[in-house]
Amino acid sequence: MDYHFTPSPRPSSLELLTDEQLFNIYELAVEAKAAPEFIEIIEDVLMKRRPEHCESY
């Protein structure tokens, strides 16, 4: 499946979360072995916010 997240003019639910909330969701998604596409979307949002903290993803 070739999926790419394209931001819309309205922010997504993930974009409305705090950095801490988003990182917690990321950790839970990885732990739960969520769909790789979902994890990738979270990583993309995190990278856009704080690329210096995302080297380990």
N, C-alpha and C. Protein backbone atom coordinates (compact mmCIF):
# COMPACT_ATOMS: atom_id res chain seq x y z
N MET A 1 0.85 -1.18 0.00
CA MET A 1 0.00 0.00 0.00
C MET A 1 0.90 1.24 0.00
N ASP A 2 0.68 2.10 -0.94
CA ASP A 2 1.47 3.33 -1.04
C ASP A 2 0.62 4.48 -0.53
N TYR A 3 0.86 4.90 0.72
CA TYR A 3 0.05 5.94 1.34
C TYR A 3 0.94 7.09 1.76
N HIS A 4 0.52 8.29 1.43
CA HIS A 4 1.25 9.48 1.84
C HIS A 4 0.30 10.45 2.51
N PHE A 5 0.71 10.94 3.67
CA PHE A 5 -0.09 11.90 4.42
C PHE A 5 0.03 13.26 3.76
N THR A 6 -1.08 13.84 3.39
CA THR A 6 -1.09 15.17 2.81
C THR A 6 -1.89 16.09 3.73
N PRO A 7 -1.22 17.06 4.33
CA PRO A 7 -1.95 17.95 5.24
C PRO A 7 -3.07 18.70 4.51
N SER A 8 -4.17 18.83 5.17
CA SER A 8 -5.29 19.57 4.59
C SER A 8 -5.27 20.99 5.16
N PRO A 9 -6.09 21.87 4.59
CA PRO A 9 -6.14 23.24 5.13
C PRO A 9 -6.55 23.26 6.60
N ARG A 10 -7.36 22.29 7.00
CA ARG A 10 -7.74 22.17 8.41
C ARG A 10 -6.76 21.21 9.09
N PRO A 11 -6.33 21.52 10.30
CA PRO A 11 -5.40 20.60 10.96
C PRO A 11 -6.05 19.26 11.27
N SER A 12 -5.24 18.20 11.19
CA SER A 12 -5.74 16.88 11.54
C SER A 12 -5.80 16.76 13.05
N SER A 13 -6.44 15.73 13.51
CA SER A 13 -6.52 15.49 14.96
C SER A 13 -5.13 15.34 15.57
N LEU A 14 -4.23 14.70 14.84
CA LEU A 14 -2.87 14.54 15.35
C LEU A 14 -2.16 15.87 15.49
N GLU A 15 -2.42 16.78 14.59
CA GLU A 15 -1.76 18.08 14.63
C GLU A 15 -2.26 18.94 15.80
N LEU A 16 -3.42 18.61 16.33
CA LEU A 16 -3.97 19.38 17.45
C LEU A 16 -3.44 18.92 18.80
N LEU A 17 -2.78 17.76 18.84
CA LEU A 17 -2.27 17.22 20.10
C LEU A 17 -0.98 17.93 20.51
N THR A 18 -0.70 17.91 21.81
CA THR A 18 0.57 18.43 22.29
C THR A 18 1.68 17.47 21.88
N ASP A 19 2.92 17.92 21.96
CA ASP A 19 4.05 17.06 21.63
C ASP A 19 4.05 15.82 22.52
N GLU A 20 3.80 16.01 23.80
CA GLU A 20 3.80 14.90 24.74
C GLU A 20 2.70 13.89 24.41
N GLN A 21 1.51 14.38 24.11
CA GLN A 21 0.40 13.49 23.76
C GLN A 21 0.72 12.70 22.49
N LEU A 22 1.27 13.39 21.52
CA LEU A 22 1.60 12.75 20.25
C LEU A 22 2.67 11.69 20.44
N PHE A 23 3.68 11.99 21.24
CA PHE A 23 4.73 11.01 21.48
C PHE A 23 4.19 9.80 22.24
N ASN A 24 3.29 10.03 23.18
CA ASN A 24 2.67 8.91 23.90
C ASN A 24 1.88 8.02 22.95
N ILE A 25 1.16 8.61 22.02
CA ILE A 25 0.40 7.84 21.04
C ILE A 25 1.37 7.06 20.15
N TYR A 26 2.47 7.69 19.79
CA TYR A 26 3.47 6.99 18.98
C TYR A 26 3.98 5.75 19.71
N GLU A 27 4.35 5.93 20.97
CA GLU A 27 4.86 4.79 21.75
C GLU A 27 3.82 3.68 21.86
N LEU A 28 2.57 4.05 22.11
CA LEU A 28 1.50 3.05 22.20
C LEU A 28 1.28 2.34 20.86
N ALA A 29 1.34 3.09 19.78
CA ALA A 29 1.14 2.50 18.46
C ALA A 29 2.24 1.50 18.14
N VAL A 30 3.48 1.85 18.47
CA VAL A 30 4.59 0.92 18.23
C VAL A 30 4.44 -0.32 19.10
N GLU A 31 4.11 -0.11 20.37
CA GLU A 31 3.94 -1.23 21.30
C GLU A 31 2.81 -2.16 20.86
N ALA A 32 1.74 -1.58 20.34
CA ALA A 32 0.57 -2.36 19.91
C ALA A 32 0.75 -2.94 18.50
N LYS A 33 1.88 -2.62 17.88
CA LYS A 33 2.15 -3.08 16.52
C LYS A 33 1.04 -2.63 15.57
N ALA A 34 0.72 -1.35 15.68
CA ALA A 34 -0.30 -0.74 14.80
C ALA A 34 0.19 -0.79 13.35
N ALA A 35 -0.71 -0.48 12.46
CA ALA A 35 -0.37 -0.48 11.03
C ALA A 35 0.83 0.44 10.78
N PRO A 36 1.80 -0.06 10.01
CA PRO A 36 2.99 0.76 9.72
C PRO A 36 2.64 2.12 9.12
N GLU A 37 1.57 2.18 8.37
CA GLU A 37 1.16 3.44 7.76
C GLU A 37 0.76 4.46 8.84
N PHE A 38 0.06 3.98 9.88
CA PHE A 38 -0.36 4.87 10.97
C PHE A 38 0.86 5.38 11.73
N ILE A 39 1.79 4.49 12.01
CA ILE A 39 3.01 4.89 12.71
C ILE A 39 3.79 5.90 11.87
N GLU A 40 3.83 5.69 10.58
CA GLU A 40 4.52 6.60 9.68
C GLU A 40 3.88 7.99 9.69
N ILE A 41 2.57 8.05 9.76
CA ILE A 41 1.88 9.35 9.82
C ILE A 41 2.27 10.08 11.10
N ILE A 42 2.30 9.36 12.22
CA ILE A 42 2.69 9.98 13.48
C ILE A 42 4.13 10.47 13.40
N GLU A 43 5.01 9.65 12.85
CA GLU A 43 6.41 10.05 12.69
C GLU A 43 6.53 11.32 11.85
N ASP A 44 5.76 11.40 10.79
CA ASP A 44 5.80 12.59 9.93
C ASP A 44 5.40 13.85 10.70
N VAL A 45 4.35 13.75 11.50
CA VAL A 45 3.90 14.91 12.28
C VAL A 45 4.97 15.28 13.31
N LEU A 46 5.54 14.28 13.97
CA LEU A 46 6.60 14.55 14.96
C LEU A 46 7.81 15.19 14.30
N MET A 47 8.21 14.70 13.15
CA MET A 47 9.37 15.25 12.45
C MET A 47 9.15 16.71 12.05
N LYS A 48 7.95 17.02 11.65
CA LYS A 48 7.65 18.41 11.26
C LYS A 48 7.72 19.35 12.46
N ARG A 49 7.37 18.83 13.62
CA ARG A 49 7.36 19.65 14.83
C ARG A 49 8.75 19.82 15.43
N ARG A 50 9.44 18.71 15.60
CA ARG A 50 10.69 18.73 16.34
C ARG A 50 11.68 17.75 15.72
N PRO A 51 12.21 18.09 14.57
CA PRO A 51 13.09 17.14 13.89
C PRO A 51 14.33 16.76 14.70
N GLU A 52 14.81 17.64 15.57
CA GLU A 52 16.01 17.33 16.34
C GLU A 52 15.77 16.24 17.38
N HIS A 53 14.52 15.98 17.75
CA HIS A 53 14.19 14.95 18.74
C HIS A 53 13.75 13.64 18.10
N CYS A 54 13.75 13.57 16.80
CA CYS A 54 13.15 12.41 16.12
C CYS A 54 14.17 11.51 15.43
N GLU A 55 15.45 11.65 15.77
CA GLU A 55 16.47 10.86 15.10
C GLU A 55 16.32 9.37 15.40
N SER A 56 15.70 9.02 16.53
CA SER A 56 15.62 7.62 16.93
C SER A 56 14.41 6.89 16.35
N TYR A 57 13.53 7.54 15.61
CA TYR A 57 12.34 6.88 15.07
C TYR A 57 12.70 6.03 13.89
